[in-house]
């Protein structure tokens, strides 16, 4: 059983390293093909492309892991939703309609008022 676990971890490490190498190669090739022509920038090496990927991950994606495949607030909101009564849920929905782009149907104009 322990040998199976070690083999599985080894496979995952190999797959991750291969994917990172291929992705770096793609960035390297695309940069050297497009950037000098479009923007007059210099070509980069493979290792500079890897550094560019790491830098973009740090700046744009952060360093945190993804243990829950979603935002933690979703879990908390789901728990709160389960504890609400149907009346509270409807009140919550009504309050959110105006804030989240879901607008209530337009009110009908009283009789005798001109339509714009």
Protein backbone atom coordinates (compact mmCIF):
# COMPACT_ATOMS: atom_id res chain seq x y z
CA UNK A 1 0.00 0.00 0.00
CA UNK A 2 2.80 2.41 0.88
CA UNK A 3 4.57 1.64 -2.40
CA UNK A 4 1.38 2.48 -4.30
CA UNK A 5 1.19 5.85 -2.56
CA UNK A 6 4.83 6.64 -3.39
CA UNK A 7 4.26 5.68 -7.04
CA UNK A 8 1.17 7.91 -7.18
CA UNK A 9 3.06 10.89 -5.69
CA UNK A 10 5.91 10.30 -8.14
CA UNK A 11 3.47 10.28 -11.07
CA UNK A 12 1.89 13.52 -9.93
CA UNK A 13 5.28 15.19 -9.53
CA UNK A 14 6.32 14.07 -13.03
CA UNK A 15 3.04 15.30 -14.55
CA UNK A 16 3.29 18.69 -12.80
CA UNK A 17 6.91 19.17 -13.85
CA UNK A 18 6.14 18.15 -17.44
CA UNK A 19 3.16 20.50 -17.60
CA UNK A 20 5.25 23.37 -16.20
CA UNK A 21 8.02 22.68 -18.73
CA UNK A 22 5.58 22.58 -21.65
CA UNK A 23 3.77 25.72 -20.48
CA UNK A 24 7.11 27.53 -20.09
CA UNK A 25 8.12 26.43 -23.59
CA UNK A 26 4.86 27.79 -25.00
CA UNK A 27 5.36 31.16 -23.27
CA UNK A 28 9.00 31.22 -24.41
CA UNK A 29 8.06 30.56 -28.04
CA UNK A 30 5.13 32.98 -28.09
CA UNK A 31 7.15 35.77 -26.48
CA UNK A 32 10.04 35.38 -28.89
CA UNK A 33 7.68 35.18 -31.86
CA UNK A 34 5.38 38.11 -31.00
CA UNK A 35 6.97 40.61 -28.64
CA UNK A 36 10.06 41.63 -30.64
CA UNK A 37 7.94 42.18 -33.74
CA UNK A 38 4.98 43.91 -32.11
CA UNK A 39 6.64 45.99 -29.40
CA UNK A 40 10.36 46.00 -30.20
CA UNK A 41 11.27 44.04 -27.06
CA UNK A 42 14.23 41.70 -26.82
CA UNK A 43 13.94 37.94 -26.99
CA UNK A 44 14.09 35.98 -23.74
CA UNK A 45 15.62 32.67 -22.69
CA UNK A 46 13.71 29.62 -21.50
CA UNK A 47 14.61 30.37 -17.88
CA UNK A 48 13.48 33.98 -18.22
CA UNK A 49 10.14 32.68 -19.51
CA UNK A 50 9.87 30.45 -16.43
CA UNK A 51 10.68 33.45 -14.23
CA UNK A 52 8.01 35.46 -16.04
CA UNK A 53 5.45 32.74 -15.31
CA UNK A 54 6.41 32.61 -11.64
CA UNK A 55 6.27 36.41 -11.37
CA UNK A 56 2.86 36.55 -13.00
CA UNK A 57 1.59 33.85 -10.64
CA UNK A 58 2.82 35.82 -7.63
CA UNK A 59 1.40 39.14 -8.84
CA UNK A 60 -1.88 37.95 -10.33
CA UNK A 61 -2.69 34.67 -8.62
CA UNK A 62 -1.16 34.95 -5.21
CA UNK A 63 0.74 32.25 -3.36
CA UNK A 64 -2.16 30.62 -1.56
CA UNK A 65 -3.17 27.08 -2.33
CA UNK A 66 -6.59 25.98 -3.48
CA UNK A 67 -7.83 23.51 -0.88
CA UNK A 68 -11.57 24.14 -1.33
CA UNK A 69 -11.93 24.85 -5.07
CA UNK A 70 -13.89 28.02 -4.38
CA UNK A 71 -14.10 30.96 -2.14
CA UNK A 72 -14.53 30.30 1.58
CA UNK A 73 -17.47 32.73 1.72
CA UNK A 74 -19.54 30.37 -0.40
CA UNK A 75 -19.44 27.71 2.28
CA UNK A 76 -20.39 30.20 5.00
CA UNK A 77 -23.19 31.64 2.85
CA UNK A 78 -24.50 28.14 2.15
CA UNK A 79 -24.68 27.44 5.88
CA UNK A 80 -26.52 30.71 6.50
CA UNK A 81 -28.91 30.00 3.63
CA UNK A 82 -29.81 26.61 5.10
CA UNK A 83 -30.68 28.22 8.42
CA UNK A 84 -33.02 30.83 6.89
CA UNK A 85 -36.75 30.45 6.82
CA UNK A 86 -38.53 30.73 3.45
CA UNK A 87 -39.67 34.25 4.39
CA UNK A 88 -36.10 35.31 5.22
CA UNK A 89 -34.87 33.85 1.94
CA UNK A 90 -37.44 35.79 -0.05
CA UNK A 91 -36.59 38.99 1.83
CA UNK A 92 -32.89 38.39 1.08
CA UNK A 93 -33.62 37.79 -2.61
CA UNK A 94 -35.70 40.97 -2.79
CA UNK A 95 -32.89 42.97 -1.22
CA UNK A 96 -30.30 41.56 -3.61
CA UNK A 97 -32.29 42.17 -6.80
CA UNK A 98 -31.42 45.86 -6.94
CA UNK A 99 -27.78 45.34 -6.00
CA UNK A 100 -26.73 42.53 -8.31
CA UNK A 101 -28.19 43.56 -11.64
CA UNK A 102 -31.46 41.68 -11.25
CA UNK A 103 -33.95 44.47 -11.46
CA UNK A 104 -37.55 44.16 -10.48
CA UNK A 105 -40.05 44.42 -13.30
CA UNK A 106 -40.89 48.03 -14.13
CA UNK A 107 -43.80 49.46 -12.21
CA UNK A 108 -46.84 50.22 -14.28
CA UNK A 109 -47.60 53.91 -14.66
CA UNK A 110 -50.82 55.19 -13.12
CA UNK A 111 -53.67 55.82 -15.52
CA UNK A 112 -53.60 59.21 -17.19
CA UNK A 113 -49.81 59.76 -16.98
CA UNK A 114 -48.00 60.17 -20.28
CA UNK A 115 -45.43 57.52 -21.17
CA UNK A 116 -41.93 58.77 -21.78
